[in-house]
Amino acid sequence: MGFEFQMLDGLQTIHTSFLDTFMISITKLGDAGIVWIILTVILLLIPKTRKAGGYMAVALIADLIICNVIIKPIVARPRPYSINKTVQLLVTPLKDYSFPSGHTAASFASVSALYFAGKKKVAAGALILSIFIAFSRLYLYVHYPTDVLGGLIIGLLCGWIADVIIKKIAERKAKVKA
């Protein structure tokens, strides 16, 4: 964990009032996956994008189960600010565990779901926001770098899971129609 604290502590040296405000705003977009849930609902409501909304819904549900129900309670990793109490937090301390980063996982689950659904341009825009959200978790000292990396990997996996599930459903529907 030494290298992780070195990275996090190094990020503390780049703080400015602008970056603080920006990172707090960016991270709030990921709180409870709200930006991704809103995007999912919008996509589900528009017939032309309903498939992509379905992909995102499945990916986000998979992410919720894998991250919050299974992995976080098993790993039970304390957050960096619980170990290094000298850092002044810019956000309210969280009550759940650190690994994996749920903000990052939900973000990358959404990116990969959009990609697998064939919405590559939307996925590219979502990727930019996802990178900012992931970085904000480090900047704000609420996650270790490996939490963010783990969240990224789990998120990508959840997008792939959505692809597999949606394709299986489509195959079954095709068999029923035939």
N, C-alpha and C. Protein backbone atom coordinates (compact mmCIF):
# COMPACT_ATOMS: atom_id res chain seq x y z
N MET A 1 0.82 -1.21 0.00
CA MET A 1 0.00 0.00 0.00
C MET A 1 0.85 1.26 0.00
N GLY A 2 2.15 1.11 0.21
CA GLY A 2 3.01 2.28 0.27
C GLY A 2 2.98 3.10 -1.01
N PHE A 3 3.06 2.41 -2.16
CA PHE A 3 3.04 3.14 -3.43
C PHE A 3 1.69 3.82 -3.65
N GLU A 4 0.64 3.22 -3.13
CA GLU A 4 -0.68 3.83 -3.31
C GLU A 4 -0.80 5.13 -2.53
N PHE A 5 -0.28 5.13 -1.30
CA PHE A 5 -0.30 6.37 -0.53
C PHE A 5 0.62 7.41 -1.15
N GLN A 6 1.74 6.96 -1.74
CA GLN A 6 2.62 7.91 -2.43
C GLN A 6 1.86 8.61 -3.56
N MET A 7 1.10 7.82 -4.32
CA MET A 7 0.33 8.40 -5.43
C MET A 7 -0.74 9.36 -4.89
N LEU A 8 -1.49 8.90 -3.90
CA LEU A 8 -2.56 9.74 -3.35
C LEU A 8 -2.00 11.00 -2.72
N ASP A 9 -0.92 10.87 -1.97
CA ASP A 9 -0.31 12.03 -1.34
C ASP A 9 0.27 12.98 -2.38
N GLY A 10 0.79 12.42 -3.47
CA GLY A 10 1.28 13.26 -4.56
C GLY A 10 0.16 14.08 -5.18
N LEU A 11 -1.02 13.47 -5.31
CA LEU A 11 -2.16 14.21 -5.86
C LEU A 11 -2.59 15.35 -4.94
N GLN A 12 -2.32 15.21 -3.66
CA GLN A 12 -2.70 16.27 -2.73
C GLN A 12 -1.90 17.55 -2.98
N THR A 13 -0.78 17.42 -3.67
CA THR A 13 0.07 18.59 -3.93
C THR A 13 -0.42 19.41 -5.12
N ILE A 14 -1.37 18.89 -5.89
CA ILE A 14 -1.85 19.63 -7.07
C ILE A 14 -3.19 20.34 -6.83
N HIS A 15 -3.66 20.29 -5.59
CA HIS A 15 -4.97 20.90 -5.30
C HIS A 15 -4.96 22.40 -5.55
N THR A 16 -6.01 22.86 -6.17
CA THR A 16 -6.30 24.29 -6.33
C THR A 16 -7.79 24.46 -6.04
N SER A 17 -8.23 25.66 -5.80
CA SER A 17 -9.66 25.85 -5.52
C SER A 17 -10.50 25.46 -6.75
N PHE A 18 -9.99 25.76 -7.96
CA PHE A 18 -10.73 25.36 -9.17
C PHE A 18 -10.83 23.85 -9.27
N LEU A 19 -9.69 23.15 -9.13
CA LEU A 19 -9.69 21.69 -9.23
C LEU A 19 -10.54 21.05 -8.13
N ASP A 20 -10.47 21.62 -6.92
CA ASP A 20 -11.29 21.09 -5.83
C ASP A 20 -12.77 21.16 -6.20
N THR A 21 -13.22 22.30 -6.67
CA THR A 21 -14.63 22.47 -7.05
C THR A 21 -14.99 21.55 -8.20
N PHE A 22 -14.12 21.48 -9.21
CA PHE A 22 -14.36 20.64 -10.38
C PHE A 22 -14.45 19.16 -9.98
N MET A 23 -13.51 18.69 -9.19
CA MET A 23 -13.48 17.27 -8.82
C MET A 23 -14.67 16.90 -7.92
N ILE A 24 -15.06 17.78 -7.05
CA ILE A 24 -16.24 17.53 -6.21
C ILE A 24 -17.48 17.42 -7.10
N SER A 25 -17.60 18.32 -8.07
CA SER A 25 -18.75 18.28 -8.99
C SER A 25 -18.74 17.02 -9.83
N ILE A 26 -17.59 16.64 -10.34
CA ILE A 26 -17.48 15.43 -11.16
C ILE A 26 -17.83 14.20 -10.35
N THR A 27 -17.30 14.11 -9.14
CA THR A 27 -17.55 12.91 -8.34
C THR A 27 -19.02 12.80 -7.97
N LYS A 28 -19.69 13.94 -7.78
CA LYS A 28 -21.12 13.92 -7.44
C LYS A 28 -21.95 13.34 -8.58
N LEU A 29 -21.49 13.50 -9.82
CA LEU A 29 -22.19 12.89 -10.95
C LEU A 29 -22.23 11.37 -10.82
N GLY A 30 -21.22 10.82 -10.17
CA GLY A 30 -21.15 9.37 -10.00
C GLY A 30 -21.80 8.87 -8.72
N ASP A 31 -22.20 9.77 -7.82
CA ASP A 31 -22.82 9.34 -6.57
C ASP A 31 -24.04 8.47 -6.87
N ALA A 32 -24.04 7.28 -6.30
CA ALA A 32 -25.12 6.30 -6.49
C ALA A 32 -25.35 6.01 -7.98
N GLY A 33 -24.35 6.28 -8.82
CA GLY A 33 -24.47 6.03 -10.25
C GLY A 33 -25.51 6.91 -10.93
N ILE A 34 -25.83 8.04 -10.33
CA ILE A 34 -26.97 8.84 -10.77
C ILE A 34 -26.90 9.26 -12.23
N VAL A 35 -25.75 9.71 -12.70
CA VAL A 35 -25.66 10.15 -14.09
C VAL A 35 -25.92 8.98 -15.04
N TRP A 36 -25.46 7.79 -14.65
CA TRP A 36 -25.63 6.61 -15.50
C TRP A 36 -27.06 6.08 -15.43
N ILE A 37 -27.67 6.19 -14.28
CA ILE A 37 -29.07 5.77 -14.15
C ILE A 37 -29.97 6.70 -14.97
N ILE A 38 -29.71 7.99 -14.88
CA ILE A 38 -30.50 8.95 -15.67
C ILE A 38 -30.34 8.68 -17.16
N LEU A 39 -29.09 8.46 -17.59
CA LEU A 39 -28.84 8.16 -19.01
C LEU A 39 -29.56 6.87 -19.41
N THR A 40 -29.53 5.87 -18.55
CA THR A 40 -30.20 4.60 -18.83
C THR A 40 -31.69 4.82 -19.03
N VAL A 41 -32.31 5.57 -18.14
CA VAL A 41 -33.75 5.84 -18.23
C VAL A 41 -34.08 6.58 -19.52
N ILE A 42 -33.28 7.58 -19.85
CA ILE A 42 -33.51 8.35 -21.09
C ILE A 42 -33.41 7.42 -22.29
N LEU A 43 -32.38 6.59 -22.33
CA LEU A 43 -32.21 5.67 -23.46
C LEU A 43 -33.36 4.67 -23.54
N LEU A 44 -33.85 4.21 -22.40
CA LEU A 44 -34.97 3.26 -22.39
C LEU A 44 -36.27 3.90 -22.88
N LEU A 45 -36.41 5.18 -22.66
CA LEU A 45 -37.64 5.88 -23.05
C LEU A 45 -37.73 6.17 -24.55
N ILE A 46 -36.58 6.21 -25.21
CA ILE A 46 -36.55 6.52 -26.64
C ILE A 46 -36.47 5.21 -27.42
N PRO A 47 -37.48 4.91 -28.24
CA PRO A 47 -37.50 3.62 -28.95
C PRO A 47 -36.20 3.33 -29.72
N LYS A 48 -35.63 4.33 -30.36
CA LYS A 48 -34.43 4.15 -31.17
C LYS A 48 -33.20 3.73 -30.33
N THR A 49 -33.20 4.09 -29.05
CA THR A 49 -32.04 3.81 -28.19
C THR A 49 -32.36 2.81 -27.08
N ARG A 50 -33.53 2.22 -27.15
CA ARG A 50 -33.98 1.31 -26.08
C ARG A 50 -33.01 0.14 -25.86
N LYS A 51 -32.45 -0.39 -26.94
CA LYS A 51 -31.50 -1.50 -26.81
C LYS A 51 -30.30 -1.08 -25.96
N ALA A 52 -29.76 0.10 -26.22
CA ALA A 52 -28.61 0.59 -25.45
C ALA A 52 -29.00 0.79 -23.99
N GLY A 53 -30.21 1.28 -23.76
CA GLY A 53 -30.70 1.45 -22.39
C GLY A 53 -30.80 0.11 -21.68
N GLY A 54 -31.23 -0.91 -22.41
CA GLY A 54 -31.29 -2.26 -21.84
C GLY A 54 -29.91 -2.78 -21.47
N TYR A 55 -28.96 -2.56 -22.34
CA TYR A 55 -27.58 -2.95 -22.05
C TYR A 55 -27.08 -2.26 -20.78
N MET A 56 -27.34 -0.96 -20.70
CA MET A 56 -26.87 -0.22 -19.53
C MET A 56 -27.56 -0.70 -18.25
N ALA A 57 -28.86 -0.95 -18.34
CA ALA A 57 -29.59 -1.41 -17.15
C ALA A 57 -29.03 -2.73 -16.65
N VAL A 58 -28.80 -3.67 -17.55
CA VAL A 58 -28.26 -4.97 -17.15
C VAL A 58 -26.85 -4.80 -16.59
N ALA A 59 -26.03 -4.00 -17.23
CA ALA A 59 -24.65 -3.78 -16.76
C ALA A 59 -24.63 -3.14 -15.37
N LEU A 60 -25.49 -2.16 -15.15
CA LEU A 60 -25.52 -1.48 -13.85
C LEU A 60 -26.05 -2.39 -12.75
N ILE A 61 -27.01 -3.24 -13.08
CA ILE A 61 -27.50 -4.19 -12.09
C ILE A 61 -26.41 -5.21 -11.74
N ALA A 62 -25.71 -5.70 -12.76
CA ALA A 62 -24.60 -6.63 -12.53
C ALA A 62 -23.53 -5.96 -11.66
N ASP A 63 -23.23 -4.71 -11.97
CA ASP A 63 -22.23 -3.95 -11.20
C ASP A 63 -22.67 -3.81 -9.74
N LEU A 64 -23.91 -3.47 -9.52
CA LEU A 64 -24.42 -3.31 -8.15
C LEU A 64 -24.24 -4.61 -7.36
N ILE A 65 -24.63 -5.71 -7.96
CA ILE A 65 -24.53 -7.01 -7.27
C ILE A 65 -23.08 -7.40 -7.02
N ILE A 66 -22.26 -7.31 -8.07
CA ILE A 66 -20.86 -7.73 -7.94
C ILE A 66 -20.09 -6.85 -6.96
N CYS A 67 -20.21 -5.52 -7.11
CA CYS A 67 -19.43 -4.61 -6.26
C CYS A 67 -19.97 -4.50 -4.85
N ASN A 68 -21.23 -4.10 -4.74
CA ASN A 68 -21.77 -3.73 -3.43
C ASN A 68 -22.27 -4.91 -2.60
N VAL A 69 -22.78 -5.92 -3.27
CA VAL A 69 -23.33 -7.05 -2.53
C VAL A 69 -22.26 -8.12 -2.27
N ILE A 70 -21.40 -8.36 -3.25
CA ILE A 70 -20.43 -9.45 -3.11
C ILE A 70 -19.04 -8.96 -2.66
N ILE A 71 -18.39 -8.15 -3.48
CA ILE A 71 -16.96 -7.87 -3.25
C ILE A 71 -16.69 -6.94 -2.07
N LYS A 72 -17.35 -5.80 -2.00
CA LYS A 72 -17.04 -4.84 -0.91
C LYS A 72 -17.13 -5.49 0.48
N PRO A 73 -18.21 -6.22 0.80
CA PRO A 73 -18.27 -6.82 2.14
C PRO A 73 -17.22 -7.91 2.38
N ILE A 74 -16.84 -8.62 1.32
CA ILE A 74 -15.84 -9.68 1.49
C ILE A 74 -14.45 -9.08 1.70
N VAL A 75 -14.07 -8.11 0.86
CA VAL A 75 -12.74 -7.51 0.97
C VAL A 75 -12.66 -6.59 2.19
N ALA A 76 -13.71 -5.82 2.43
CA ALA A 76 -13.81 -4.93 3.61
C ALA A 76 -12.58 -4.04 3.79
N ARG A 77 -12.14 -3.44 2.72
CA ARG A 77 -10.94 -2.59 2.75
C ARG A 77 -11.30 -1.19 3.26
N PRO A 78 -10.60 -0.73 4.30
CA PRO A 78 -10.87 0.64 4.78
C PRO A 78 -10.43 1.67 3.74
N ARG A 79 -11.07 2.80 3.77
CA ARG A 79 -10.73 3.87 2.83
C ARG A 79 -9.42 4.54 3.23
N PRO A 80 -8.74 5.16 2.26
CA PRO A 80 -7.43 5.76 2.56
C PRO A 80 -7.48 6.79 3.68
N TYR A 81 -8.54 7.60 3.72
CA TYR A 81 -8.63 8.63 4.76
C TYR A 81 -8.84 8.03 6.15
N SER A 82 -9.25 6.76 6.21
CA SER A 82 -9.37 6.09 7.51
C SER A 82 -8.01 5.70 8.05
N ILE A 83 -7.05 5.53 7.16
CA ILE A 83 -5.68 5.18 7.55
C ILE A 83 -4.85 6.44 7.76
N ASN A 84 -4.86 7.33 6.77
CA ASN A 84 -4.12 8.59 6.86
C ASN A 84 -5.11 9.68 7.27
N LYS A 85 -5.17 9.94 8.54
CA LYS A 85 -6.15 10.88 9.07
C LYS A 85 -5.69 12.34 8.97
N THR A 86 -4.51 12.57 8.37
CA THR A 86 -4.00 13.93 8.26
C THR A 86 -4.58 14.67 7.05
N VAL A 87 -5.18 13.94 6.13
CA VAL A 87 -5.72 14.56 4.92
C VAL A 87 -7.08 15.16 5.23
N GLN A 88 -7.24 16.42 4.82
CA GLN A 88 -8.53 17.09 5.02
C GLN A 88 -9.44 16.75 3.83
N LEU A 89 -10.51 16.04 4.11
CA LEU A 89 -11.43 15.63 3.05
C LEU A 89 -12.27 16.79 2.55
N LEU A 90 -12.54 16.77 1.26
CA LEU A 90 -13.39 17.78 0.63
C LEU A 90 -14.82 17.28 0.47
N VAL A 91 -15.02 16.00 0.75
CA VAL A 91 -16.35 15.39 0.65
C VAL A 91 -16.67 14.71 1.99
N THR A 92 -17.94 14.41 2.18
CA THR A 92 -18.37 13.72 3.39
C THR A 92 -17.78 12.31 3.42
N PRO A 93 -17.21 11.90 4.55
CA PRO A 93 -16.67 10.55 4.63
C PRO A 93 -17.77 9.51 4.34
N LEU A 94 -17.37 8.47 3.65
CA LEU A 94 -18.32 7.43 3.26
C LEU A 94 -18.35 6.32 4.30
N LYS A 95 -19.46 5.61 4.36
CA LYS A 95 -19.62 4.58 5.37
C LYS A 95 -19.34 3.17 4.85
N ASP A 96 -19.22 3.02 3.52
CA ASP A 96 -18.95 1.69 2.98
C ASP A 96 -17.44 1.50 2.77
N TYR A 97 -17.10 0.34 2.25
CA TYR A 97 -15.69 0.01 2.07
C TYR A 97 -15.13 0.59 0.77
N SER A 98 -13.81 0.48 0.65
CA SER A 98 -13.09 1.14 -0.43
C SER A 98 -12.98 0.32 -1.71
N PHE A 99 -12.78 -1.00 -1.59
CA PHE A 99 -12.54 -1.81 -2.79
C PHE A 99 -13.77 -2.60 -3.18
N PRO A 100 -14.13 -2.50 -4.45
CA PRO A 100 -13.63 -1.66 -5.55
C PRO A 100 -14.35 -0.30 -5.55
N SER A 101 -13.88 0.60 -6.35
CA SER A 101 -14.54 1.90 -6.50
C SER A 101 -15.86 1.71 -7.24
N GLY A 102 -16.95 1.93 -6.54
CA GLY A 102 -18.28 1.81 -7.16
C GLY A 102 -18.52 2.87 -8.21
N HIS A 103 -18.04 4.09 -7.96
CA HIS A 103 -18.17 5.16 -8.96
C HIS A 103 -17.51 4.74 -10.28
N THR A 104 -16.30 4.20 -10.16
CA THR A 104 -15.55 3.79 -11.34
C THR A 104 -16.21 2.60 -12.02
N ALA A 105 -16.64 1.63 -11.22
CA ALA A 105 -17.26 0.43 -11.79
C ALA A 105 -18.54 0.79 -12.55
N ALA A 106 -19.39 1.60 -11.96
CA ALA A 106 -20.64 2.00 -12.64
C ALA A 106 -20.33 2.78 -13.91
N SER A 107 -19.33 3.63 -13.84
CA SER A 107 -18.95 4.43 -15.01
C SER A 107 -18.49 3.55 -16.16
N PHE A 108 -17.58 2.63 -15.87
CA PHE A 108 -17.05 1.79 -16.93
C PHE A 108 -18.01 0.68 -17.35
N ALA A 109 -18.91 0.28 -16.46
CA ALA A 109 -19.99 -0.63 -16.87
C ALA A 109 -20.85 0.06 -17.92
N SER A 110 -21.11 1.33 -17.71
CA SER A 110 -21.92 2.11 -18.67
C SER A 110 -21.19 2.28 -20.00
N VAL A 111 -19.92 2.62 -19.93
CA VAL A 111 -19.12 2.79 -21.15
C VAL A 111 -19.11 1.50 -21.96
N SER A 112 -18.80 0.39 -21.30
CA SER A 112 -18.70 -0.87 -22.05
C SER A 112 -20.07 -1.34 -22.53
N ALA A 113 -21.12 -1.10 -21.76
CA ALA A 113 -22.47 -1.46 -22.20
C ALA A 113 -22.83 -0.67 -23.46
N LEU A 114 -22.55 0.60 -23.45
CA LEU A 114 -22.82 1.43 -24.64
C LEU A 114 -22.02 0.94 -25.84
N TYR A 115 -20.78 0.59 -25.62
CA TYR A 115 -19.93 0.09 -26.69
C TYR A 115 -20.50 -1.21 -27.27
N PHE A 116 -20.82 -2.16 -26.39
CA PHE A 116 -21.36 -3.44 -26.85
C PHE A 116 -22.72 -3.27 -27.54
N ALA A 117 -23.48 -2.24 -27.12
CA ALA A 117 -24.79 -1.99 -27.73
C ALA A 117 -24.65 -1.30 -29.08
N GLY A 118 -23.43 -0.97 -29.48
CA GLY A 118 -23.20 -0.35 -30.78
C GLY A 118 -23.26 1.17 -30.77
N LYS A 119 -23.32 1.76 -29.60
CA LYS A 119 -23.36 3.23 -29.47
C LYS A 119 -21.95 3.75 -29.18
N LYS A 120 -21.07 3.59 -30.16
CA LYS A 120 -19.66 3.87 -29.95
C LYS A 120 -19.37 5.36 -29.71
N LYS A 121 -20.08 6.25 -30.37
CA LYS A 121 -19.86 7.69 -30.15
C LYS A 121 -20.31 8.10 -28.75
N VAL A 122 -21.44 7.59 -28.32
CA VAL A 122 -21.92 7.88 -26.97
C VAL A 122 -20.96 7.25 -25.96
N ALA A 123 -20.48 6.06 -26.26
CA ALA A 123 -19.51 5.38 -25.38
C ALA A 123 -18.23 6.21 -25.25
N ALA A 124 -17.80 6.83 -26.33
CA ALA A 124 -16.59 7.66 -26.28
C ALA A 124 -16.78 8.86 -25.35
N GLY A 125 -17.94 9.49 -25.44
CA GLY A 125 -18.23 10.60 -24.53
C GLY A 125 -18.33 10.13 -23.10
N ALA A 126 -18.97 8.98 -22.90
CA ALA A 126 -19.08 8.40 -21.56
C ALA A 126 -17.71 8.02 -21.01
N LEU A 127 -16.81 7.59 -21.89
CA LEU A 127 -15.46 7.23 -21.48
C LEU A 127 -14.73 8.44 -20.89
N ILE A 128 -14.87 9.58 -21.54
CA ILE A 128 -14.21 10.80 -21.04
C ILE A 128 -14.73 11.13 -19.64
N LEU A 129 -16.05 11.12 -19.48
CA LEU A 129 -16.62 11.40 -18.16
C LEU A 129 -16.18 10.35 -17.14
N SER A 130 -16.13 9.09 -17.56
CA SER A 130 -15.72 8.01 -16.66
C SER A 130 -14.29 8.18 -16.16
N ILE A 131 -13.42 8.60 -17.04
CA ILE A 131 -12.02 8.83 -16.65
C ILE A 131 -11.96 9.96 -15.61
N PHE A 132 -12.70 11.02 -15.84
CA PHE A 132 -12.74 12.12 -14.86
C PHE A 132 -13.30 11.65 -13.52
N ILE A 133 -14.38 10.88 -13.55
CA ILE A 133 -14.96 10.37 -12.31
C ILE A 133 -13.96 9.49 -11.57
N ALA A 134 -13.31 8.58 -12.28
CA ALA A 134 -12.32 7.70 -11.66
C ALA A 134 -11.18 8.51 -11.04
N PHE A 135 -10.68 9.48 -11.79
CA PHE A 135 -9.59 10.32 -11.27
C PHE A 135 -10.03 11.11 -10.04
N SER A 136 -11.28 11.59 -10.06
CA SER A 136 -11.77 12.39 -8.93
C SER A 136 -11.75 11.58 -7.63
N ARG A 137 -11.95 10.27 -7.73
CA ARG A 137 -11.96 9.43 -6.53
C ARG A 137 -10.57 9.38 -5.89
N LEU A 138 -9.53 9.46 -6.71
CA LEU A 138 -8.16 9.51 -6.20
C LEU A 138 -7.84 10.90 -5.67
N TYR A 139 -8.18 11.90 -6.45
CA TYR A 139 -7.93 13.29 -6.08
C TYR A 139 -8.57 13.62 -4.73
N LEU A 140 -9.76 13.10 -4.51
CA LEU A 140 -10.51 13.39 -3.28
C LEU A 140 -10.12 12.47 -2.12
N TYR A 141 -9.19 11.56 -2.37
CA TYR A 141 -8.61 10.69 -1.32
C TYR A 141 -9.62 9.70 -0.74
N VAL A 142 -10.60 9.31 -1.54
CA VAL A 142 -11.60 8.37 -1.05
C VAL A 142 -11.37 6.95 -1.55
N HIS A 143 -10.44 6.77 -2.50
CA HIS A 143 -10.09 5.44 -3.02
C HIS A 143 -8.60 5.34 -3.27
N TYR A 144 -8.12 4.12 -3.15
CA TYR A 144 -6.75 3.80 -3.54
C TYR A 144 -6.71 3.59 -5.06
N PRO A 145 -5.54 3.74 -5.67
CA PRO A 145 -5.44 3.46 -7.11
C PRO A 145 -5.92 2.05 -7.48
N THR A 146 -5.62 1.04 -6.65
CA THR A 146 -6.08 -0.31 -6.98
C THR A 146 -7.60 -0.45 -6.85
N ASP A 147 -8.23 0.38 -6.03
CA ASP A 147 -9.71 0.39 -5.97
C ASP A 147 -10.28 0.85 -7.30
N VAL A 148 -9.67 1.89 -7.84
CA VAL A 148 -10.13 2.44 -9.12
C VAL A 148 -9.85 1.45 -10.24
N LEU A 149 -8.67 0.85 -10.24
CA LEU A 149 -8.34 -0.16 -11.25
C LEU A 149 -9.30 -1.34 -11.15
N GLY A 150 -9.57 -1.80 -9.95
CA GLY A 150 -10.53 -2.89 -9.76
C GLY A 150 -11.92 -2.51 -10.25
N GLY A 151 -12.34 -1.29 -9.95
CA GLY A 151 -13.64 -0.81 -10.43
C GLY A 151 -13.71 -0.75 -11.94
N LEU A 152 -12.63 -0.32 -12.56
CA LEU A 152 -12.57 -0.25 -14.02
C LEU A 152 -12.73 -1.65 -14.61
N ILE A 153 -11.99 -2.61 -14.09
CA ILE A 153 -12.04 -3.98 -14.62
C ILE A 153 -13.43 -4.59 -14.40
N ILE A 154 -13.97 -4.42 -13.22
CA ILE A 154 -15.31 -4.95 -12.92
C ILE A 154 -16.35 -4.27 -13.81
N GLY A 155 -16.22 -2.98 -14.00
CA GLY A 155 -17.15 -2.27 -14.88
C GLY A 155 -17.13 -2.80 -16.30
N LEU A 156 -15.94 -3.00 -16.84
CA LEU A 156 -15.83 -3.55 -18.19
C LEU A 156 -16.43 -4.95 -18.25
N LEU A 157 -16.18 -5.72 -17.23
CA LEU A 157 -16.74 -7.07 -17.14
C LEU A 157 -18.28 -7.01 -17.13
N CYS A 158 -18.84 -6.07 -16.40
CA CYS A 158 -20.30 -5.94 -16.32
C CYS A 158 -20.91 -5.56 -17.67
N GLY A 159 -20.23 -4.74 -18.44
CA GLY A 159 -20.69 -4.44 -19.79
C GLY A 159 -20.69 -5.67 -20.66
N TRP A 160 -19.66 -6.50 -20.51
CA TRP A 160 -19.59 -7.76 -21.26
C TRP A 160 -20.69 -8.70 -20.81
N ILE A 161 -20.94 -8.78 -19.51
CA ILE A 161 -22.03 -9.61 -18.98
C ILE A 161 -23.35 -9.18 -19.58
N ALA A 162 -23.57 -7.87 -19.67
CA ALA A 162 -24.80 -7.36 -20.28
C ALA A 162 -24.90 -7.82 -21.73
N ASP A 163 -23.80 -7.76 -22.45
CA ASP A 163 -23.79 -8.19 -23.85
C ASP A 163 -24.18 -9.66 -23.95
N VAL A 164 -23.62 -10.50 -23.12
CA VAL A 164 -23.93 -11.94 -23.13
C VAL A 164 -25.40 -12.17 -22.82
N ILE A 165 -25.90 -11.52 -21.78
CA ILE A 165 -27.30 -11.71 -21.36
C ILE A 165 -28.27 -11.22 -22.43
N ILE A 166 -28.02 -10.03 -22.96
CA ILE A 166 -28.93 -9.48 -23.99
C ILE A 166 -28.93 -10.36 -25.23
N LYS A 167 -27.77 -10.86 -25.64
CA LYS A 167 -27.70 -11.74 -26.81
C LYS A 167 -28.43 -13.06 -26.56
N LYS A 168 -28.31 -13.60 -25.36
CA LYS A 168 -29.02 -14.84 -25.03
C LYS A 168 -30.53 -14.61 -25.08
N ILE A 169 -30.99 -13.50 -24.57
CA ILE A 169 -32.42 -13.17 -24.61
C ILE A 169 -32.89 -13.04 -26.06
N ALA A 170 -32.09 -12.37 -26.88
CA ALA A 170 -32.44 -12.20 -28.30
C ALA A 170 -32.51 -13.56 -29.00
N GLU A 171 -31.56 -14.46 -28.69
CA GLU A 171 -31.57 -15.81 -29.28
C GLU A 171 -32.84 -16.56 -28.90
N ARG A 172 -33.23 -16.47 -27.65
CA ARG A 172 -34.44 -17.16 -27.18
C ARG A 172 -35.68 -16.60 -27.85
N LYS A 173 -35.73 -15.28 -27.99
CA LYS A 173 -36.88 -14.66 -28.68
C LYS A 173 -36.94 -15.12 -30.13
N ALA A 174 -35.78 -15.22 -30.78
CA ALA A 174 -35.73 -15.66 -32.17
C ALA A 174 -36.20 -17.10 -32.29
N LYS A 175 -35.83 -17.95 -31.37
CA LYS A 175 -36.27 -19.35 -31.38
C LYS A 175 -37.78 -19.47 -31.18
N VAL A 176 -38.33 -18.63 -30.31
CA VAL A 176 -39.77 -18.65 -30.05
C VAL A 176 -40.55 -18.23 -31.29
N LYS A 177 -40.04 -17.22 -32.00
CA LYS A 177 -40.70 -16.73 -33.23
C LYS A 177 -40.60 -17.73 -34.37
N ALA A 178 -39.53 -18.54 -34.38
CA ALA A 178 -39.30 -19.47 -35.50
C ALA A 178 -40.20 -20.67 -35.47
